[in-house]
Amino acid sequence: MRLTEWVEDAPVAGVAGPRVLGVVQPVLAALGVGEDADVWVIWGEEPQVRWSILAPTLAGLAAVYIRVSVAQEGPRASGKLTRWPRVQVGDLAVEMQGAHRVVATTVEGQVLRGIDETADRIAAFIAQIYAAIDGRARTTTL
């Protein structure tokens, strides 16, 4: 999913508003993430306080950590680029029951877990990461 799609689907209004994205987008650009690239957003338990973005690039996996409101400073974003050989990715676990599917994996210590449509998005995202680690062209299927 593109960052703009994540922003539209934010769990709390204003958590990814123009003021916050104003500090996030330059960090993404500095790490080599193209404008409106495919990313994975981890909202966490308190998205009004902090959330994270994972974004595959040609060089490695970019991780951006956002603090929505720092006292007397406003929003803050910091990031790092982990080269593909050093990216830590867990196995992809899939479970089916009836028409429902559950997917879980880890990427750089972050747990990605979802059901049905979210499971499909996780599987597509992790397929991009696996392909990049293996040096293959990006794909949305394993």
N, C-alpha and C. Protein backbone atom coordinates (compact mmCIF):
# COMPACT_ATOMS: atom_id res chain seq x y z
N MET A 1 0.84 -1.18 0.00
CA MET A 1 0.00 0.00 0.00
C MET A 1 0.88 1.24 0.00
N ARG A 2 0.43 2.22 -0.68
CA ARG A 2 1.14 3.50 -0.75
C ARG A 2 0.94 4.28 0.55
N LEU A 3 1.89 5.16 0.85
CA LEU A 3 1.79 5.95 2.08
C LEU A 3 0.51 6.78 2.10
N THR A 4 0.12 7.32 0.96
CA THR A 4 -1.12 8.12 0.93
C THR A 4 -2.34 7.29 1.31
N GLU A 5 -2.35 6.02 0.92
CA GLU A 5 -3.46 5.14 1.29
C GLU A 5 -3.47 4.87 2.79
N TRP A 6 -2.27 4.69 3.37
CA TRP A 6 -2.17 4.49 4.82
C TRP A 6 -2.68 5.73 5.55
N VAL A 7 -2.31 6.90 5.06
CA VAL A 7 -2.70 8.16 5.70
C VAL A 7 -4.22 8.30 5.70
N GLU A 8 -4.85 7.96 4.59
CA GLU A 8 -6.31 8.03 4.50
C GLU A 8 -6.98 7.07 5.47
N ASP A 9 -6.30 5.97 5.78
CA ASP A 9 -6.87 4.92 6.63
C ASP A 9 -6.33 4.98 8.06
N ALA A 10 -5.77 6.12 8.46
CA ALA A 10 -5.18 6.26 9.80
C ALA A 10 -6.23 5.99 10.89
N PRO A 11 -5.83 5.31 11.96
CA PRO A 11 -6.78 4.96 13.01
C PRO A 11 -7.24 6.15 13.86
N VAL A 12 -6.45 7.23 13.86
CA VAL A 12 -6.78 8.43 14.63
C VAL A 12 -6.63 9.64 13.71
N ALA A 13 -7.64 10.49 13.68
CA ALA A 13 -7.60 11.68 12.81
C ALA A 13 -6.41 12.57 13.18
N GLY A 14 -5.70 13.05 12.16
CA GLY A 14 -4.61 13.98 12.36
C GLY A 14 -3.27 13.36 12.72
N VAL A 15 -3.26 12.06 12.98
CA VAL A 15 -2.02 11.40 13.38
C VAL A 15 -0.99 11.41 12.24
N ALA A 16 -1.44 11.50 11.02
CA ALA A 16 -0.55 11.56 9.86
C ALA A 16 -0.94 12.76 8.99
N GLY A 17 -1.21 13.88 9.65
CA GLY A 17 -1.60 15.09 8.95
C GLY A 17 -0.42 15.75 8.27
N PRO A 18 -0.66 16.85 7.58
CA PRO A 18 0.40 17.55 6.84
C PRO A 18 1.59 17.96 7.71
N ARG A 19 1.32 18.35 8.94
CA ARG A 19 2.41 18.76 9.84
C ARG A 19 3.33 17.58 10.16
N VAL A 20 2.75 16.41 10.40
CA VAL A 20 3.54 15.22 10.69
C VAL A 20 4.26 14.75 9.43
N LEU A 21 3.54 14.67 8.32
CA LEU A 21 4.16 14.22 7.08
C LEU A 21 5.25 15.18 6.61
N GLY A 22 5.17 16.42 7.03
CA GLY A 22 6.20 17.40 6.69
C GLY A 22 7.57 17.04 7.24
N VAL A 23 7.63 16.29 8.34
CA VAL A 23 8.92 15.83 8.86
C VAL A 23 9.22 14.39 8.43
N VAL A 24 8.18 13.63 8.08
CA VAL A 24 8.37 12.24 7.67
C VAL A 24 8.92 12.14 6.24
N GLN A 25 8.34 12.87 5.33
CA GLN A 25 8.72 12.73 3.91
C GLN A 25 10.18 13.06 3.62
N PRO A 26 10.77 14.10 4.23
CA PRO A 26 12.21 14.32 3.98
C PRO A 26 13.09 13.17 4.50
N VAL A 27 12.70 12.55 5.61
CA VAL A 27 13.47 11.42 6.13
C VAL A 27 13.36 10.24 5.17
N LEU A 28 12.15 9.95 4.69
CA LEU A 28 11.97 8.88 3.70
C LEU A 28 12.81 9.15 2.46
N ALA A 29 12.79 10.38 1.96
CA ALA A 29 13.55 10.73 0.76
C ALA A 29 15.05 10.55 1.00
N ALA A 30 15.54 10.95 2.16
CA ALA A 30 16.97 10.82 2.47
C ALA A 30 17.40 9.36 2.53
N LEU A 31 16.48 8.47 2.87
CA LEU A 31 16.78 7.04 2.94
C LEU A 31 16.58 6.34 1.60
N GLY A 32 16.18 7.08 0.57
CA GLY A 32 16.03 6.49 -0.76
C GLY A 32 14.65 5.95 -1.06
N VAL A 33 13.67 6.33 -0.26
CA VAL A 33 12.30 5.88 -0.51
C VAL A 33 11.65 6.87 -1.47
N GLY A 34 11.17 6.36 -2.60
CA GLY A 34 10.53 7.20 -3.60
C GLY A 34 9.24 7.82 -3.08
N GLU A 35 8.84 8.89 -3.73
CA GLU A 35 7.62 9.56 -3.33
C GLU A 35 6.43 8.62 -3.49
N ASP A 36 5.62 8.51 -2.48
CA ASP A 36 4.44 7.65 -2.44
C ASP A 36 4.74 6.19 -2.79
N ALA A 37 5.84 5.70 -2.22
CA ALA A 37 6.26 4.32 -2.45
C ALA A 37 5.39 3.34 -1.67
N ASP A 38 5.52 2.06 -2.01
CA ASP A 38 4.86 1.01 -1.23
C ASP A 38 5.56 0.92 0.12
N VAL A 39 4.79 1.01 1.18
CA VAL A 39 5.34 0.96 2.53
C VAL A 39 4.43 0.12 3.41
N TRP A 40 4.91 -0.18 4.60
CA TRP A 40 4.08 -0.80 5.62
C TRP A 40 4.10 0.12 6.82
N VAL A 41 2.94 0.52 7.29
CA VAL A 41 2.84 1.39 8.46
C VAL A 41 2.43 0.55 9.66
N ILE A 42 3.15 0.73 10.74
CA ILE A 42 2.85 0.05 12.00
C ILE A 42 2.31 1.12 12.94
N TRP A 43 1.00 1.13 13.10
CA TRP A 43 0.37 2.15 13.93
C TRP A 43 0.63 1.93 15.41
N GLY A 44 0.74 0.68 15.83
CA GLY A 44 0.98 0.39 17.23
C GLY A 44 -0.24 0.65 18.10
N GLU A 45 -0.03 0.60 19.40
CA GLU A 45 -1.13 0.76 20.34
C GLU A 45 -1.52 2.21 20.56
N GLU A 46 -0.59 3.13 20.37
CA GLU A 46 -0.86 4.55 20.59
C GLU A 46 -0.41 5.37 19.39
N PRO A 47 -1.13 5.28 18.27
CA PRO A 47 -0.70 6.01 17.07
C PRO A 47 -0.72 7.53 17.24
N GLN A 48 -1.48 8.03 18.21
CA GLN A 48 -1.49 9.46 18.45
C GLN A 48 -0.19 9.91 19.12
N VAL A 49 0.63 8.94 19.59
CA VAL A 49 1.90 9.24 20.22
C VAL A 49 3.07 8.89 19.31
N ARG A 50 3.06 7.65 18.77
CA ARG A 50 4.15 7.20 17.90
C ARG A 50 3.69 6.10 16.96
N TRP A 51 4.33 6.06 15.80
CA TRP A 51 4.09 5.00 14.83
C TRP A 51 5.32 4.87 13.95
N SER A 52 5.36 3.82 13.10
CA SER A 52 6.55 3.53 12.31
C SER A 52 6.19 3.20 10.87
N ILE A 53 7.18 3.35 10.01
CA ILE A 53 7.03 3.00 8.59
C ILE A 53 8.19 2.10 8.19
N LEU A 54 7.90 1.02 7.48
CA LEU A 54 8.91 0.17 6.85
C LEU A 54 8.76 0.32 5.35
N ALA A 55 9.88 0.54 4.65
CA ALA A 55 9.81 0.75 3.20
C ALA A 55 11.00 0.08 2.52
N PRO A 56 10.73 -0.86 1.62
CA PRO A 56 11.83 -1.46 0.86
C PRO A 56 12.38 -0.48 -0.18
N THR A 57 13.71 -0.41 -0.28
CA THR A 57 14.37 0.41 -1.29
C THR A 57 15.33 -0.49 -2.06
N LEU A 58 15.99 0.04 -3.05
CA LEU A 58 16.97 -0.77 -3.79
C LEU A 58 18.13 -1.18 -2.89
N ALA A 59 18.54 -0.31 -1.99
CA ALA A 59 19.71 -0.58 -1.15
C ALA A 59 19.40 -1.41 0.08
N GLY A 60 18.18 -1.34 0.59
CA GLY A 60 17.86 -2.06 1.82
C GLY A 60 16.48 -1.66 2.33
N LEU A 61 16.24 -1.96 3.58
CA LEU A 61 14.95 -1.66 4.19
C LEU A 61 15.06 -0.39 5.01
N ALA A 62 14.25 0.59 4.67
CA ALA A 62 14.20 1.85 5.41
C ALA A 62 13.17 1.71 6.52
N ALA A 63 13.54 2.17 7.71
CA ALA A 63 12.63 2.19 8.85
C ALA A 63 12.60 3.62 9.37
N VAL A 64 11.40 4.17 9.47
CA VAL A 64 11.23 5.53 9.97
C VAL A 64 10.34 5.47 11.19
N TYR A 65 10.79 6.13 12.25
CA TYR A 65 10.08 6.14 13.52
C TYR A 65 9.56 7.55 13.77
N ILE A 66 8.26 7.66 13.98
CA ILE A 66 7.60 8.96 14.08
C ILE A 66 7.08 9.16 15.49
N ARG A 67 7.40 10.30 16.06
CA ARG A 67 6.79 10.75 17.32
C ARG A 67 5.87 11.89 16.91
N VAL A 68 4.60 11.71 17.13
CA VAL A 68 3.60 12.65 16.63
C VAL A 68 3.69 14.01 17.30
N SER A 69 3.91 14.02 18.59
CA SER A 69 3.94 15.31 19.29
C SER A 69 4.99 15.28 20.39
N VAL A 70 6.09 15.97 20.16
CA VAL A 70 7.13 16.11 21.16
C VAL A 70 6.90 17.46 21.82
N ALA A 71 6.87 17.49 23.14
CA ALA A 71 6.56 18.72 23.87
C ALA A 71 7.43 19.88 23.41
N GLN A 72 6.81 20.98 23.09
CA GLN A 72 7.42 22.24 22.68
C GLN A 72 8.23 22.13 21.39
N GLU A 73 8.15 21.01 20.67
CA GLU A 73 8.90 20.85 19.43
C GLU A 73 8.02 20.46 18.25
N GLY A 74 6.92 19.79 18.49
CA GLY A 74 6.10 19.29 17.40
C GLY A 74 6.52 17.90 17.00
N PRO A 75 6.11 17.45 15.82
CA PRO A 75 6.42 16.08 15.40
C PRO A 75 7.91 15.89 15.11
N ARG A 76 8.35 14.65 15.27
CA ARG A 76 9.75 14.30 15.02
C ARG A 76 9.80 12.97 14.29
N ALA A 77 10.73 12.84 13.36
CA ALA A 77 10.92 11.58 12.64
C ALA A 77 12.41 11.27 12.57
N SER A 78 12.75 10.01 12.79
CA SER A 78 14.12 9.56 12.62
C SER A 78 14.07 8.25 11.85
N GLY A 79 15.15 7.95 11.17
CA GLY A 79 15.12 6.73 10.36
C GLY A 79 16.48 6.09 10.21
N LYS A 80 16.46 4.89 9.66
CA LYS A 80 17.69 4.18 9.36
C LYS A 80 17.46 3.30 8.14
N LEU A 81 18.54 3.01 7.45
CA LEU A 81 18.50 2.12 6.29
C LEU A 81 19.35 0.91 6.62
N THR A 82 18.73 -0.25 6.65
CA THR A 82 19.45 -1.50 6.90
C THR A 82 19.67 -2.18 5.56
N ARG A 83 20.92 -2.44 5.22
CA ARG A 83 21.26 -3.09 3.95
C ARG A 83 20.61 -4.48 3.91
N TRP A 84 20.22 -4.94 2.72
CA TRP A 84 19.48 -6.19 2.58
C TRP A 84 20.15 -7.39 3.26
N PRO A 85 21.47 -7.56 3.17
CA PRO A 85 22.05 -8.74 3.83
C PRO A 85 21.90 -8.74 5.36
N ARG A 86 21.64 -7.58 5.94
CA ARG A 86 21.53 -7.48 7.40
C ARG A 86 20.09 -7.39 7.90
N VAL A 87 19.13 -7.32 6.99
CA VAL A 87 17.72 -7.22 7.38
C VAL A 87 17.28 -8.52 8.04
N GLN A 88 16.63 -8.41 9.19
CA GLN A 88 16.16 -9.59 9.90
C GLN A 88 14.67 -9.78 9.62
N VAL A 89 14.37 -10.90 8.99
CA VAL A 89 13.00 -11.22 8.62
C VAL A 89 12.68 -12.63 9.11
N GLY A 90 11.53 -12.77 9.75
CA GLY A 90 11.10 -14.08 10.22
C GLY A 90 10.40 -14.86 9.12
N ASP A 91 10.05 -16.09 9.44
CA ASP A 91 9.29 -16.91 8.51
C ASP A 91 7.86 -16.39 8.41
N LEU A 92 7.24 -16.64 7.28
CA LEU A 92 5.85 -16.26 7.07
C LEU A 92 4.96 -17.43 7.48
N ALA A 93 4.11 -17.22 8.47
CA ALA A 93 3.19 -18.26 8.94
C ALA A 93 1.79 -17.94 8.43
N VAL A 94 1.13 -18.95 7.86
CA VAL A 94 -0.22 -18.78 7.32
C VAL A 94 -1.12 -19.85 7.92
N GLU A 95 -2.31 -19.44 8.32
CA GLU A 95 -3.30 -20.37 8.86
C GLU A 95 -4.64 -20.08 8.19
N MET A 96 -5.33 -21.13 7.83
CA MET A 96 -6.65 -21.00 7.20
C MET A 96 -7.70 -21.70 8.05
N GLN A 97 -8.86 -21.06 8.16
CA GLN A 97 -10.01 -21.71 8.77
C GLN A 97 -11.22 -21.24 7.99
N GLY A 98 -11.84 -22.17 7.29
CA GLY A 98 -12.95 -21.80 6.41
C GLY A 98 -12.44 -20.84 5.35
N ALA A 99 -13.10 -19.71 5.22
CA ALA A 99 -12.69 -18.71 4.23
C ALA A 99 -11.76 -17.66 4.82
N HIS A 100 -11.37 -17.82 6.07
CA HIS A 100 -10.52 -16.83 6.74
C HIS A 100 -9.08 -17.28 6.77
N ARG A 101 -8.18 -16.32 6.56
CA ARG A 101 -6.76 -16.62 6.63
C ARG A 101 -6.10 -15.66 7.61
N VAL A 102 -5.11 -16.18 8.31
CA VAL A 102 -4.33 -15.41 9.27
C VAL A 102 -2.87 -15.53 8.86
N VAL A 103 -2.17 -14.40 8.84
CA VAL A 103 -0.77 -14.37 8.45
C VAL A 103 0.01 -13.66 9.55
N ALA A 104 1.21 -14.15 9.83
CA ALA A 104 2.08 -13.50 10.80
C ALA A 104 3.53 -13.66 10.39
N THR A 105 4.33 -12.63 10.64
CA THR A 105 5.76 -12.65 10.39
C THR A 105 6.40 -11.54 11.21
N THR A 106 7.70 -11.47 11.18
CA THR A 106 8.41 -10.36 11.81
C THR A 106 9.38 -9.74 10.81
N VAL A 107 9.53 -8.45 10.91
CA VAL A 107 10.48 -7.71 10.08
C VAL A 107 11.20 -6.72 11.00
N GLU A 108 12.50 -6.91 11.13
CA GLU A 108 13.30 -6.03 11.99
C GLU A 108 12.70 -5.89 13.38
N GLY A 109 12.23 -6.99 13.93
CA GLY A 109 11.69 -7.01 15.27
C GLY A 109 10.25 -6.55 15.39
N GLN A 110 9.66 -6.09 14.30
CA GLN A 110 8.27 -5.65 14.30
C GLN A 110 7.38 -6.82 13.88
N VAL A 111 6.35 -7.09 14.64
CA VAL A 111 5.43 -8.17 14.32
C VAL A 111 4.38 -7.65 13.35
N LEU A 112 4.23 -8.34 12.22
CA LEU A 112 3.18 -8.03 11.25
C LEU A 112 2.20 -9.19 11.31
N ARG A 113 0.96 -8.90 11.68
CA ARG A 113 -0.05 -9.94 11.84
C ARG A 113 -1.36 -9.39 11.30
N GLY A 114 -2.08 -10.22 10.55
CA GLY A 114 -3.35 -9.75 10.02
C GLY A 114 -4.26 -10.87 9.60
N ILE A 115 -5.51 -10.50 9.40
CA ILE A 115 -6.56 -11.44 9.03
C ILE A 115 -7.15 -11.01 7.68
N ASP A 116 -7.45 -11.99 6.84
CA ASP A 116 -8.12 -11.81 5.55
C ASP A 116 -7.44 -10.77 4.67
N GLU A 117 -8.05 -9.61 4.40
CA GLU A 117 -7.46 -8.63 3.49
C GLU A 117 -6.13 -8.10 4.00
N THR A 118 -6.04 -7.89 5.30
CA THR A 118 -4.77 -7.44 5.88
C THR A 118 -3.71 -8.53 5.71
N ALA A 119 -4.11 -9.77 5.85
CA ALA A 119 -3.20 -10.90 5.64
C ALA A 119 -2.66 -10.90 4.22
N ASP A 120 -3.51 -10.62 3.26
CA ASP A 120 -3.08 -10.57 1.86
C ASP A 120 -2.07 -9.44 1.64
N ARG A 121 -2.30 -8.29 2.28
CA ARG A 121 -1.38 -7.16 2.14
C ARG A 121 -0.03 -7.47 2.79
N ILE A 122 -0.07 -8.15 3.94
CA ILE A 122 1.18 -8.54 4.60
C ILE A 122 1.97 -9.50 3.71
N ALA A 123 1.28 -10.50 3.16
CA ALA A 123 1.95 -11.47 2.29
C ALA A 123 2.57 -10.79 1.07
N ALA A 124 1.89 -9.83 0.49
CA ALA A 124 2.44 -9.10 -0.67
C ALA A 124 3.65 -8.26 -0.26
N PHE A 125 3.57 -7.62 0.90
CA PHE A 125 4.68 -6.80 1.39
C PHE A 125 5.90 -7.66 1.69
N ILE A 126 5.69 -8.77 2.37
CA ILE A 126 6.82 -9.64 2.73
C ILE A 126 7.42 -10.29 1.48
N ALA A 127 6.60 -10.52 0.46
CA ALA A 127 7.12 -11.05 -0.81
C ALA A 127 8.10 -10.07 -1.44
N GLN A 128 7.80 -8.78 -1.34
CA GLN A 128 8.73 -7.75 -1.86
C GLN A 128 10.05 -7.81 -1.10
N ILE A 129 9.97 -7.97 0.21
CA ILE A 129 11.18 -8.01 1.02
C ILE A 129 11.99 -9.27 0.72
N TYR A 130 11.33 -10.41 0.64
CA TYR A 130 12.04 -11.66 0.32
C TYR A 130 12.74 -11.54 -1.05
N ALA A 131 12.04 -10.98 -2.02
CA ALA A 131 12.62 -10.83 -3.36
C ALA A 131 13.85 -9.92 -3.31
N ALA A 132 13.75 -8.82 -2.59
CA ALA A 132 14.89 -7.90 -2.51
C ALA A 132 16.08 -8.55 -1.81
N ILE A 133 15.83 -9.29 -0.75
CA ILE A 133 16.90 -9.97 -0.03
C ILE A 133 17.59 -10.99 -0.94
N ASP A 134 16.79 -11.68 -1.76
CA ASP A 134 17.33 -12.70 -2.68
C ASP A 134 17.92 -12.09 -3.94
N GLY A 135 17.78 -10.78 -4.14
CA GLY A 135 18.31 -10.13 -5.33
C GLY A 135 17.43 -10.31 -6.55
N ARG A 136 16.17 -10.70 -6.33
CA ARG A 136 15.24 -10.87 -7.45
C ARG A 136 14.48 -9.59 -7.69
N ALA A 137 13.85 -9.49 -8.84
CA ALA A 137 12.99 -8.35 -9.12
C ALA A 137 11.84 -8.35 -8.13
N ARG A 138 11.40 -7.17 -7.75
CA ARG A 138 10.28 -7.06 -6.80
C ARG A 138 9.04 -7.69 -7.38
N THR A 139 8.33 -8.37 -6.48
CA THR A 139 7.11 -9.04 -6.88
C THR A 139 6.13 -8.95 -5.72
N THR A 140 4.87 -9.21 -5.99
CA THR A 140 3.89 -9.21 -4.90
C THR A 140 3.44 -10.63 -4.58
N THR A 141 4.11 -11.61 -5.17
CA THR A 141 3.81 -13.01 -4.86
C THR A 141 5.10 -13.71 -4.45
N LEU A 142 4.94 -14.73 -3.62
CA LEU A 142 6.11 -15.47 -3.16
C LEU A 142 6.57 -16.39 -4.25
